[in-house]
PDB file of N, CA and C in Angstrom:
ATOM      1  N   MET A   1     104.120  81.255  96.548  1.00  0.00           N
ATOM      2  CA  MET A   1     103.071  80.710  95.711  1.00  0.00           C
ATOM      3  C   MET A   1     102.356  81.860  95.007  1.00  0.00           C
ATOM      4  N   PRO A   2     102.211  81.812  93.677  1.00  0.00           N
ATOM      5  CA  PRO A   2     101.551  82.896  92.967  1.00  0.00           C
ATOM      6  C   PRO A   2     100.066  82.935  93.299  1.00  0.00           C
ATOM      7  N   HIS A   3      99.527  84.144  93.322  1.00  0.00           N
ATOM      8  CA  HIS A   3      98.098  84.325  93.544  1.00  0.00           C
ATOM      9  C   HIS A   3      97.347  84.080  92.243  1.00  0.00           C
ATOM     10  N   ARG A   4      96.132  83.566  92.360  1.00  0.00           N
ATOM     11  CA  ARG A   4      95.291  83.350  91.187  1.00  0.00           C
ATOM     12  C   ARG A   4      94.107  84.295  91.274  1.00  0.00           C
ATOM     13  N   HIS A   5      93.819  84.992  90.209  1.00  0.00           N
ATOM     14  CA  HIS A   5      92.731  85.953  90.138  1.00  0.00           C
ATOM     15  C   HIS A   5      91.790  85.488  89.040  1.00  0.00           C
ATOM     16  N   PHE A   6      90.528  85.368  89.353  1.00  0.00           N
ATOM     17  CA  PHE A   6      89.564  84.847  88.389  1.00  0.00           C
ATOM     18  C   PHE A   6      88.469  85.856  88.111  1.00  0.00           C
ATOM     19  N   VAL A   7      88.028  85.898  86.873  1.00  0.00           N
ATOM     20  CA  VAL A   7      86.809  86.587  86.482  1.00  0.00           C
ATOM     21  C   VAL A   7      85.884  85.504  85.969  1.00  0.00           C
ATOM     22  N   LEU A   8      84.806  85.259  86.698  1.00  0.00           N
ATOM     23  CA  LEU A   8      83.853  84.225  86.308  1.00  0.00           C
ATOM     24  C   LEU A   8      82.644  84.886  85.669  1.00  0.00           C
ATOM     25  N   ARG A   9      82.345  84.498  84.422  1.00  0.00           N
ATOM     26  CA  ARG A   9      81.246  85.097  83.662  1.00  0.00           C
ATOM     27  C   ARG A   9      80.428  83.988  83.016  1.00  0.00           C
ATOM     28  N   PRO A  10      79.177  84.290  82.634  1.00  0.00           N
ATOM     29  CA  PRO A  10      78.350  83.257  82.020  1.00  0.00           C
ATOM     30  C   PRO A  10      78.771  82.881  80.601  1.00  0.00           C
ATOM     31  N   ASP A  11      79.792  83.526  80.051  1.00  0.00           N
ATOM     32  CA  ASP A  11      80.272  83.234  78.699  1.00  0.00           C
ATOM     33  C   ASP A  11      81.314  82.117  78.734  1.00  0.00           C
ATOM     34  N   GLN A  12      81.672  81.646  77.576  1.00  0.00           N
ATOM     35  CA  GLN A  12      82.720  80.637  77.458  1.00  0.00           C
ATOM     36  C   GLN A  12      84.073  81.265  77.783  1.00  0.00           C
ATOM     37  N   PRO A  13      85.030  80.460  78.277  1.00  0.00           N
ATOM     38  CA  PRO A  13      86.369  81.004  78.559  1.00  0.00           C
ATOM     39  C   PRO A  13      86.962  81.677  77.327  1.00  0.00           C
ATOM     40  N   GLY A  14      87.629  82.801  77.576  1.00  0.00           N
ATOM     41  CA  GLY A  14      88.238  83.546  76.480  1.00  0.00           C
ATOM     42  C   GLY A  14      87.391  84.722  76.020  1.00  0.00           C
ATOM     43  N   SER A  15      86.082  84.661  76.214  1.00  0.00           N
ATOM     44  CA  SER A  15      85.225  85.797  75.847  1.00  0.00           C
ATOM     45  C   SER A  15      84.967  86.608  77.105  1.00  0.00           C
ATOM     46  N   LEU A  16      86.019  87.266  77.571  1.00  0.00           N
ATOM     47  CA  LEU A  16      85.999  87.928  78.868  1.00  0.00           C
ATOM     48  C   LEU A  16      84.918  88.998  78.965  1.00  0.00           C
ATOM     49  N   ILE A  17      84.843  89.860  78.019  1.00  0.00           N
ATOM     50  CA  ILE A  17      83.939  90.994  78.104  1.00  0.00           C
ATOM     51  C   ILE A  17      83.129  91.084  76.820  1.00  0.00           C
ATOM     52  N   THR A  18      81.793  91.088  76.953  1.00  0.00           N
ATOM     53  CA  THR A  18      80.956  91.222  75.766  1.00  0.00           C
ATOM     54  C   THR A  18      80.568  92.676  75.517  1.00  0.00           C
ATOM     55  N   SER A  19      80.650  93.512  76.533  1.00  0.00           N
ATOM     56  CA  SER A  19      80.325  94.932  76.349  1.00  0.00           C
ATOM     57  C   SER A  19      81.429  95.770  76.984  1.00  0.00           C
ATOM     58  N   GLY A  20      82.392  96.160  76.196  1.00  0.00           N
ATOM     59  CA  GLY A  20      83.520  96.936  76.698  1.00  0.00           C
ATOM     60  C   GLY A  20      84.785  96.098  76.706  1.00  0.00           C
ATOM     61  N   ASP A  21      85.920  96.777  76.736  1.00  0.00           N
ATOM     62  CA  ASP A  21      87.181  96.047  76.701  1.00  0.00           C
ATOM     63  C   ASP A  21      87.741  95.861  78.108  1.00  0.00           C
ATOM     64  N   ILE A  22      88.672  94.942  78.219  1.00  0.00           N
ATOM     65  CA  ILE A  22      89.167  94.533  79.533  1.00  0.00           C
ATOM     66  C   ILE A  22      89.885  95.657  80.265  1.00  0.00           C
ATOM     67  N   ASP A  23      90.637  96.501  79.556  1.00  0.00           N
ATOM     68  CA  ASP A  23      91.366  97.544  80.277  1.00  0.00           C
ATOM     69  C   ASP A  23      90.429  98.546  80.933  1.00  0.00           C
ATOM     70  N   ASN A  24      89.303  98.870  80.283  1.00  0.00           N
ATOM     71  CA  ASN A  24      88.331  99.767  80.913  1.00  0.00           C
ATOM     72  C   ASN A  24      87.650  99.096  82.098  1.00  0.00           C
ATOM     73  N   ARG A  25      87.350  97.803  81.994  1.00  0.00           N
ATOM     74  CA  ARG A  25      86.731  97.081  83.103  1.00  0.00           C
ATOM     75  C   ARG A  25      87.678  96.997  84.293  1.00  0.00           C
ATOM     76  N   LEU A  26      88.960  96.745  84.048  1.00  0.00           N
ATOM     77  CA  LEU A  26      89.921  96.680  85.142  1.00  0.00           C
ATOM     78  C   LEU A  26      90.122  98.051  85.778  1.00  0.00           C
ATOM     79  N   LYS A  27      90.138  99.102  84.974  1.00  0.00           N
ATOM     80  CA  LYS A  27      90.261 100.454  85.526  1.00  0.00           C
ATOM     81  C   LYS A  27      89.077 100.764  86.430  1.00  0.00           C
ATOM     82  N   THR A  28      87.875 100.372  86.025  1.00  0.00           N
ATOM     83  CA  THR A  28      86.694 100.584  86.860  1.00  0.00           C
ATOM     84  C   THR A  28      86.828  99.831  88.178  1.00  0.00           C
ATOM     85  N   LEU A  29      87.312  98.593  88.119  1.00  0.00           N
ATOM     86  CA  LEU A  29      87.523  97.805  89.336  1.00  0.00           C
ATOM     87  C   LEU A  29      88.545  98.476  90.242  1.00  0.00           C
ATOM     88  N   PHE A  30      89.669  98.901  89.692  1.00  0.00           N
ATOM     89  CA  PHE A  30      90.709  99.537  90.505  1.00  0.00           C
ATOM     90  C   PHE A  30      90.200 100.838  91.123  1.00  0.00           C
ATOM     91  N   ASP A  31      89.438 101.607  90.360  1.00  0.00           N
ATOM     92  CA  ASP A  31      88.856 102.839  90.900  1.00  0.00           C
ATOM     93  C   ASP A  31      87.923 102.530  92.068  1.00  0.00           C
ATOM     94  N   ALA A  32      87.199 101.422  91.988  1.00  0.00           N
ATOM     95  CA  ALA A  32      86.274 101.044  93.058  1.00  0.00           C
ATOM     96  C   ALA A  32      87.006 100.609  94.320  1.00  0.00           C
ATOM     97  N   LEU A  33      88.237 100.136  94.200  1.00  0.00           N
ATOM     98  CA  LEU A  33      88.992  99.660  95.350  1.00  0.00           C
ATOM     99  C   LEU A  33      89.778 100.763  96.048  1.00  0.00           C
ATOM    100  N   LYS A  34      89.872 101.933  95.432  1.00  0.00           N
ATOM    101  CA  LYS A  34      90.704 102.983  96.018  1.00  0.00           C
ATOM    102  C   LYS A  34      89.883 103.953  96.853  1.00  0.00           C
ATOM    103  N   MET A  35      90.584 104.635  97.722  1.00  0.00           N
ATOM    104  CA  MET A  35      89.976 105.639  98.572  1.00  0.00           C
ATOM    105  C   MET A  35      89.586 106.852  97.719  1.00  0.00           C
ATOM    106  N   PRO A  36      88.340 107.340  97.834  1.00  0.00           N
ATOM    107  CA  PRO A  36      87.937 108.497  97.028  1.00  0.00           C
ATOM    108  C   PRO A  36      88.727 109.746  97.415  1.00  0.00           C
ATOM    109  N   GLU A  37      89.009 110.568  96.420  1.00  0.00           N
ATOM    110  CA  GLU A  37      89.738 111.805  96.664  1.00  0.00           C
ATOM    111  C   GLU A  37      88.797 112.965  96.964  1.00  0.00           C
ATOM    112  N   SER A  38      87.528 112.851  96.526  1.00  0.00           N
ATOM    113  CA  SER A  38      86.556 113.910  96.773  1.00  0.00           C
ATOM    114  C   SER A  38      85.159 113.301  96.866  1.00  0.00           C
ATOM    115  N   LEU A  39      84.206 114.057  97.405  1.00  0.00           N
ATOM    116  CA  LEU A  39      82.823 113.580  97.517  1.00  0.00           C
ATOM    117  C   LEU A  39      82.198 113.296  96.163  1.00  0.00           C
ATOM    118  N   SER A  40      82.646 113.968  95.110  1.00  0.00           N
ATOM    119  CA  SER A  40      82.075 113.749  93.780  1.00  0.00           C
ATOM    120  C   SER A  40      82.338 112.334  93.272  1.00  0.00           C
ATOM    121  N   GLU A  41      83.388 111.680  93.769  1.00  0.00           N
ATOM    122  CA  GLU A  41      83.693 110.307  93.358  1.00  0.00           C
ATOM    123  C   GLU A  41      82.784 109.278  94.029  1.00  0.00           C
ATOM    124  N   LEU A  42      81.987 109.690  94.997  1.00  0.00           N
ATOM    125  CA  LEU A  42      81.132 108.769  95.726  1.00  0.00           C
ATOM    126  C   LEU A  42      79.783 108.545  95.056  1.00  0.00           C
ATOM    127  N   GLY A  43      79.469 109.312  94.019  1.00  0.00           N
ATOM    128  CA  GLY A  43      78.217 109.116  93.291  1.00  0.00           C
ATOM    129  C   GLY A  43      76.979 109.303  94.155  1.00  0.00           C
ATOM    130  N   GLY A  44      77.060 110.167  95.163  1.00  0.00           N
ATOM    131  CA  GLY A  44      75.912 110.414  96.027  1.00  0.00           C
ATOM    132  C   GLY A  44      75.840 109.503  97.237  1.00  0.00           C
ATOM    133  N   TYR A  45      76.699 108.494  97.302  1.00  0.00           N
ATOM    134  CA  TYR A  45      76.708 107.567  98.441  1.00  0.00           C
ATOM    135  C   TYR A  45      77.725 108.062  99.468  1.00  0.00           C
ATOM    136  N   THR A  46      77.305 108.966 100.351  1.00  0.00           N
ATOM    137  CA  THR A  46      78.246 109.600 101.273  1.00  0.00           C
ATOM    138  C   THR A  46      78.344 108.888 102.621  1.00  0.00           C
ATOM    139  N   THR A  47      77.445 107.952 102.895  1.00  0.00           N
ATOM    140  CA  THR A  47      77.515 107.172 104.126  1.00  0.00           C
ATOM    141  C   THR A  47      77.377 105.697 103.784  1.00  0.00           C
ATOM    142  N   PRO A  48      77.972 104.813 104.584  1.00  0.00           N
ATOM    143  CA  PRO A  48      77.843 103.369 104.332  1.00  0.00           C
ATOM    144  C   PRO A  48      76.392 102.909 104.481  1.00  0.00           C
ATOM    145  N   ASP A  49      75.992 101.927 103.678  1.00  0.00           N
ATOM    146  CA  ASP A  49      74.668 101.315 103.794  1.00  0.00           C
ATOM    147  C   ASP A  49      74.649 100.371 104.983  1.00  0.00           C
ATOM    148  N   ASP A  50      73.474  99.868 105.313  1.00  0.00           N
ATOM    149  CA  ASP A  50      73.356  98.875 106.379  1.00  0.00           C
ATOM    150  C   ASP A  50      74.254  97.683 106.069  1.00  0.00           C
ATOM    151  N   GLY A  51      74.970  97.209 107.059  1.00  0.00           N
ATOM    152  CA  GLY A  51      75.850  96.062 106.886  1.00  0.00           C
ATOM    153  C   GLY A  51      77.204  96.397 106.303  1.00  0.00           C
ATOM    154  N   GLU A  52      77.471  97.680 106.017  1.00  0.00           N
ATOM    155  CA  GLU A  52      78.762  98.078 105.440  1.00  0.00           C
ATOM    156  C   GLU A  52      79.664  98.764 106.468  1.00  0.00           C
ATOM    157  N   GLU A  53      79.429  98.506 107.735  1.00  0.00           N
ATOM    158  CA  GLU A  53      80.269  99.093 108.766  1.00  0.00           C
ATOM    159  C   GLU A  53      80.991  97.985 109.502  1.00  0.00           C
ATOM    160  N   PRO A  54      82.294  98.012 109.646  1.00  0.00           N
ATOM    161  CA  PRO A  54      83.157  99.093 109.169  1.00  0.00           C
ATOM    162  C   PRO A  54      83.318  99.042 107.659  1.00  0.00           C
ATOM    163  N   PHE A  55      83.629 100.170 107.067  1.00  0.00           N
ATOM    164  CA  PHE A  55      83.786 100.306 105.624  1.00  0.00           C
ATOM    165  C   PHE A  55      85.264 100.545 105.337  1.00  0.00           C
ATOM    166  N   PHE A  56      85.862  99.680 104.518  1.00  0.00           N
ATOM    167  CA  PHE A  56      87.292  99.760 104.241  1.00  0.00           C
ATOM    168  C   PHE A  56      87.547 100.045 102.766  1.00  0.00           C
ATOM    169  N   CYS A  57      88.624 100.744 102.491  1.00  0.00           N
ATOM    170  CA  CYS A  57      89.145 100.905 101.139  1.00  0.00           C
ATOM    171  C   CYS A  57      90.460 100.145 101.083  1.00  0.00           C
ATOM    172  N   LEU A  58      90.645  99.391 100.023  1.00  0.00           N
ATOM    173  CA  LEU A  58      91.849  98.570  99.912  1.00  0.00           C
ATOM    174  C   LEU A  58      93.078  99.394  99.551  1.00  0.00           C
ATOM    175  N   LEU A  59      92.894 100.401  98.718  1.00  0.00           N
ATOM    176  CA  LEU A  59      94.032 101.160  98.202  1.00  0.00           C
ATOM    177  C   LEU A  59      93.953 102.622  98.594  1.00  0.00           C
ATOM    178  N   GLN A  60      95.077 103.192  98.932  1.00  0.00           N
ATOM    179  CA  GLN A  60      95.131 104.640  99.096  1.00  0.00           C
ATOM    180  C   GLN A  60      95.036 105.294  97.716  1.00  0.00           C
ATOM    181  N   ASP A  61      95.703 104.684  96.746  1.00  0.00           N
ATOM    182  CA  ASP A  61      95.728 105.223  95.383  1.00  0.00           C
ATOM    183  C   ASP A  61      95.928 104.048  94.428  1.00  0.00           C
ATOM    184  N   ASP A  62      95.117 103.961  93.380  1.00  0.00           N
ATOM    185  CA  ASP A  62      95.239 102.834  92.456  1.00  0.00           C
ATOM    186  C   ASP A  62      96.527 102.888  91.643  1.00  0.00           C
ATOM    187  N   LYS A  63      97.261 103.985  91.718  1.00  0.00           N
ATOM    188  CA  LYS A  63      98.568 104.050  91.054  1.00  0.00           C
ATOM    189  C   LYS A  63      99.593 103.154  91.742  1.00  0.00           C
ATOM    190  N   LEU A  64      99.278 102.675  92.951  1.00  0.00           N
ATOM    191  CA  LEU A  64     100.206 101.833  93.702  1.00  0.00           C
ATOM    192  C   LEU A  64     100.111 100.360  93.299  1.00  0.00           C
ATOM    193  N   ILE A  65      99.192 100.005  92.420  1.00  0.00           N
ATOM    194  CA  ILE A  65      99.085  98.621  91.949  1.00  0.00           C
ATOM    195  C   ILE A  65     100.315  98.310  91.111  1.00  0.00           C
ATOM    196  N   SER A  66     101.014  97.238  91.466  1.00  0.00           N
ATOM    197  CA  SER A  66     102.254  96.934  90.765  1.00  0.00           C
ATOM    198  C   SER A  66     102.179  95.666  89.919  1.00  0.00           C
ATOM    199  N   HIS A  67     101.146  94.850  90.092  1.00  0.00           N
ATOM    200  CA  HIS A  67     101.044  93.616  89.318  1.00  0.00           C
ATOM    201  C   HIS A  67      99.585  93.192  89.231  1.00  0.00           C
ATOM    202  N   VAL A  68      99.182  92.747  88.046  1.00  0.00           N
ATOM    203  CA  VAL A  68      97.823  92.244  87.827  1.00  0.00           C
ATOM    204  C   VAL A  68      97.914  91.019  86.934  1.00  0.00           C
ATOM    205  N   SER A  69      97.167  90.000  87.290  1.00  0.00           N
ATOM    206  CA  SER A  69      97.063  88.796  86.480  1.00  0.00           C
ATOM    207  C   SER A  69      95.599  88.381  86.483  1.00  0.00           C
ATOM    208  N   VAL A  70      95.035  88.108  85.310  1.00  0.00           N
ATOM    209  CA  VAL A  70      93.616  87.781  85.201  1.00  0.00           C
ATOM    210  C   VAL A  70      93.450  86.468  84.455  1.00  0.00           C
ATOM    211  N   GLU A  71      92.612  85.601  84.985  1.00  0.00           N
ATOM    212  CA  GLU A  71      92.261  84.342  84.346  1.00  0.00           C
ATOM    213  C   GLU A  71      90.742  84.277  84.284  1.00  0.00           C
ATOM    214  N   THR A  72      90.195  83.836  83.159  1.00  0.00           N
ATOM    215  CA  THR A  72      88.739  83.767  83.018  1.00  0.00           C
ATOM    216  C   THR A  72      88.268  82.320  83.063  1.00  0.00           C
ATOM    217  N   ASP A  73      87.018  82.162  83.483  1.00  0.00           N
ATOM    218  CA  ASP A  73      86.386  80.851  83.481  1.00  0.00           C
ATOM    219  C   ASP A  73      84.879  81.073  83.438  1.00  0.00           C
ATOM    220  N   VAL A  74      84.135  79.986  83.352  1.00  0.00           N
ATOM    221  CA  VAL A  74      82.679  80.050  83.210  1.00  0.00           C
ATOM    222  C   VAL A  74      82.024  80.195  84.582  1.00  0.00           C
ATOM    223  N   LEU A  75      81.087  81.123  84.689  1.00  0.00           N
ATOM    224  CA  LEU A  75      80.273  81.291  85.887  1.00  0.00           C
ATOM    225  C   LEU A  75      79.172  80.245  85.844  1.00  0.00           C
ATOM    226  N   LEU A  76      79.145  79.349  86.817  1.00  0.00           N
ATOM    227  CA  LEU A  76      78.215  78.226  86.797  1.00  0.00           C
ATOM    228  C   LEU A  76      76.987  78.434  87.674  1.00  0.00           C
ATOM    229  N   GLU A  77      76.880  79.553  88.340  1.00  0.00           N
ATOM    230  CA  GLU A  77      75.717  79.810  89.184  1.00  0.00           C
ATOM    231  C   GLU A  77      75.123  81.169  88.858  1.00  0.00           C
ATOM    232  N   GLN A  78      73.839  81.308  89.110  1.00  0.00           N
ATOM    233  CA  GLN A  78      73.182  82.587  88.911  1.00  0.00           C
ATOM    234  C   GLN A  78      73.506  83.495  90.086  1.00  0.00           C
ATOM    235  N   ILE A  79      73.555  84.775  89.815  1.00  0.00           N
ATOM    236  CA  ILE A  79      73.812  85.769  90.846  1.00  0.00           C
ATOM    237  C   ILE A  79      72.486  86.422  91.202  1.00  0.00           C
ATOM    238  N   ASP A  80      72.167  86.452  92.486  1.00  0.00           N
ATOM    239  CA  ASP A  80      70.910  87.025  92.984  1.00  0.00           C
ATOM    240  C   ASP A  80      69.688  86.389  92.344  1.00  0.00           C
ATOM    241  N   GLY A  81      69.757  85.091  92.066  1.00  0.00           N
ATOM    242  CA  GLY A  81      68.591  84.356  91.597  1.00  0.00           C
ATOM    243  C   GLY A  81      68.199  84.593  90.152  1.00  0.00           C
ATOM    244  N   GLY A  82      68.981  85.299  89.401  1.00  0.00           N
ATOM    245  CA  GLY A  82      68.653  85.573  88.004  1.00  0.00           C
ATOM    246  C   GLY A  82      69.866  85.423  87.124  1.00  0.00           C
ATOM    247  N   TYR A  83      69.650  85.617  85.833  1.00  0.00           N
ATOM    248  CA  TYR A  83      70.738  85.514  84.864  1.00  0.00           C
ATOM    249  C   TYR A  83      70.787  86.803  84.075  1.00  0.00           C
ATOM    250  N   ASP A  84      71.961  87.361  83.970  1.00  0.00           N
ATOM    251  CA  ASP A  84      72.183  88.567  83.177  1.00  0.00           C
ATOM    252  C   ASP A  84      73.519  88.399  82.487  1.00  0.00           C
ATOM    253  N   VAL A  85      73.583  88.723  81.215  1.00  0.00           N
ATOM    254  CA  VAL A  85      74.821  88.556  80.446  1.00  0.00           C
ATOM    255  C   VAL A  85      75.959  89.394  81.029  1.00  0.00           C
ATOM    256  N   ASN A  86      75.631  90.435  81.799  1.00  0.00           N
ATOM    257  CA  ASN A  86      76.651  91.288  82.393  1.00  0.00           C
ATOM    258  C   ASN A  86      77.074  90.835  83.784  1.00  0.00           C
ATOM    259  N   ASP A  87      76.513  89.732  84.294  1.00  0.00           N
ATOM    260  CA  ASP A  87      76.897  89.225  85.601  1.00  0.00           C
ATOM    261  C   ASP A  87      78.357  88.788  85.592  1.00  0.00           C
ATOM    262  N   ALA A  88      78.999  88.950  86.720  1.00  0.00           N
ATOM    263  CA  ALA A  88      80.377  88.488  86.877  1.00  0.00           C
ATOM    264  C   ALA A  88      80.627  88.238  88.351  1.00  0.00           C
ATOM    265  N   ARG A  89      81.474  87.298  88.630  1.00  0.00           N
ATOM    266  CA  ARG A  89      81.939  87.048  89.995  1.00  0.00           C
ATOM    267  C   ARG A  89      83.448  87.125  89.931  1.00  0.00           C
ATOM    268  N   LEU A  90      84.019  87.967  90.765  1.00  0.00           N
ATOM    269  CA  LEU A  90      85.472  88.125  90.776  1.00  0.00           C
ATOM    270  C   LEU A  90      86.043  87.522  92.045  1.00  0.00           C
ATOM    271  N   VAL A  91      87.100  86.761  91.895  1.00  0.00           N
ATOM    272  CA  VAL A  91      87.848  86.217  93.016  1.00  0.00           C
ATOM    273  C   VAL A  91      89.192  86.934  92.993  1.00  0.00           C
ATOM    274  N   ILE A  92      89.443  87.740  94.019  1.00  0.00           N
ATOM    275  CA  ILE A  92      90.625  88.594  94.020  1.00  0.00           C
ATOM    276  C   ILE A  92      91.516  88.220  95.196  1.00  0.00           C
ATOM    277  N   SER A  93      92.772  87.938  94.900  1.00  0.00           N
ATOM    278  CA  SER A  93      93.770  87.704  95.936  1.00  0.00           C
ATOM    279  C   SER A  93      94.683  88.923  95.981  1.00  0.00           C
ATOM    280  N   VAL A  94      95.030  89.338  97.166  1.00  0.00           N
ATOM    281  CA  VAL A  94      95.810  90.561  97.326  1.00  0.00           C
ATOM    282  C   VAL A  94      97.013  90.288  98.222  1.00  0.00           C
ATOM    283  N   THR A  95      98.158  90.801  97.828  1.00  0.00           N
ATOM    284  CA  THR A  95      99.339  90.806  98.673  1.00  0.00           C
ATOM    285  C   THR A  95      99.625  92.257  99.031  1.00  0.00           C
ATOM    286  N   LEU A  96      99.602  92.550 100.317  1.00  0.00           N
ATOM    287  CA  LEU A  96      99.838  93.919 100.779  1.00  0.00           C
ATOM    288  C   LEU A  96     101.307  94.112 101.119  1.00  0.00           C
ATOM    289  N   ARG A  97     101.860  95.207 100.639  1.00  0.00           N
ATOM    290  CA  ARG A  97     103.214  95.604 100.980  1.00  0.00           C
ATOM    291  C   ARG A  97     103.218  97.095 101.228  1.00  0.00           C
ATOM    292  N   PRO A  98     103.837  97.552 102.297  1.00  0.00           N
ATOM    293  CA  PRO A  98     103.867  98.998 102.551  1.00  0.00           C
ATOM    294  C   PRO A  98     104.736  99.716 101.525  1.00  0.00           C
ATOM    295  N   TYR A  99     104.322 100.907 101.167  1.00  0.00           N
ATOM    296  CA  TYR A  99     105.097 101.727 100.241  1.00  0.00           C
ATOM    297  C   TYR A  99     106.320 102.297 100.945  1.00  0.00           C
ATOM    298  N   HIS A 100     106.118 102.733 102.187  1.00  0.00           N
ATOM    299  CA  HIS A 100     107.215 103.220 103.025  1.00  0.00           C
ATOM    300  C   HIS A 100     107.295 102.313 104.240  1.00  0.00           C
ATOM    301  N   VAL A 101     108.439 101.684 104.459  1.00  0.00           N
ATOM    302  CA  VAL A 101     108.613 100.788 105.598  1.00  0.00           C
ATOM    303  C   VAL A 101     109.008 101.614 106.820  1.00  0.00           C
ATOM    304  N   ILE A 102     108.171 101.506 107.857  1.00  0.00           N
ATOM    305  CA  ILE A 102     108.455 102.133 109.143  1.00  0.00           C
ATOM    306  C   ILE A 102     108.260 101.067 110.221  1.00  0.00           C
ATOM    307  N   ILE A 103     108.602 101.375 111.433  1.00  0.00           N
ATOM    308  CA  ILE A 103     108.564 100.373 112.507  1.00  0.00           C
ATOM    309  C   ILE A 103     107.165  99.781 112.682  1.00  0.00           C
ATOM    310  N   SER A 104     106.115 100.565 112.483  1.00  0.00           N
ATOM    311  CA  SER A 104     104.762 100.059 112.728  1.00  0.00           C
ATOM    312  C   SER A 104     104.255  99.147 111.604  1.00  0.00           C
ATOM    313  N   ASN A 105     104.882  99.127 110.441  1.00  0.00           N
ATOM    314  CA  ASN A 105     104.423  98.247 109.369  1.00  0.00           C
ATOM    315  C   ASN A 105     105.496  97.259 108.921  1.00  0.00           C
ATOM    316  N   VAL A 106     106.565  97.121 109.683  1.00  0.00           N
ATOM    317  CA  VAL A 106     107.671  96.243 109.303  1.00  0.00           C
ATOM    318  C   VAL A 106     107.211  94.791 109.184  1.00  0.00           C
ATOM    319  N   GLY A 107     106.140  94.402 109.855  1.00  0.00           N
ATOM    320  CA  GLY A 107     105.618  93.047 109.757  1.00  0.00           C
ATOM    321  C   GLY A 107     105.076  92.692 108.390  1.00  0.00           C
ATOM    322  N   PHE A 108     104.768  93.677 107.559  1.00  0.00           N
ATOM    323  CA  PHE A 108     104.257  93.432 106.203  1.00  0.00           C
ATOM    324  C   PHE A 108     105.356  93.159 105.193  1.00  0.00           C
ATOM    325  N   THR A 109     106.606  93.443 105.550  1.00  0.00           N
ATOM    326  CA  THR A 109     107.687  93.314 104.559  1.00  0.00           C
ATOM    327  C   THR A 109     108.203  91.908 104.446  1.00  0.00           C
TER     328      THR A 109
END
């Protein structure tokens, strides 16, 4: 069954991004999901905040992403009690596959 990925925004369907283009927004998202390579990539946040333990990174490297599909729709609720044109809610489905198959990760294949 194919995974469905949604970007929900307060705009009408089809007007995905009002400030910036989609490829830059997706690159920012992928960068946020990957493990930082140096402390400079953490933007000063060197320890997890309250409620962020354990802290996980989804990707070792965003170069390992092999497929992306995006569908847009209307965001029907306010985020954090307010409305901002830049608000978005993302629903992300992920299929994990090991890059190198070894005995300890054979269950993922």
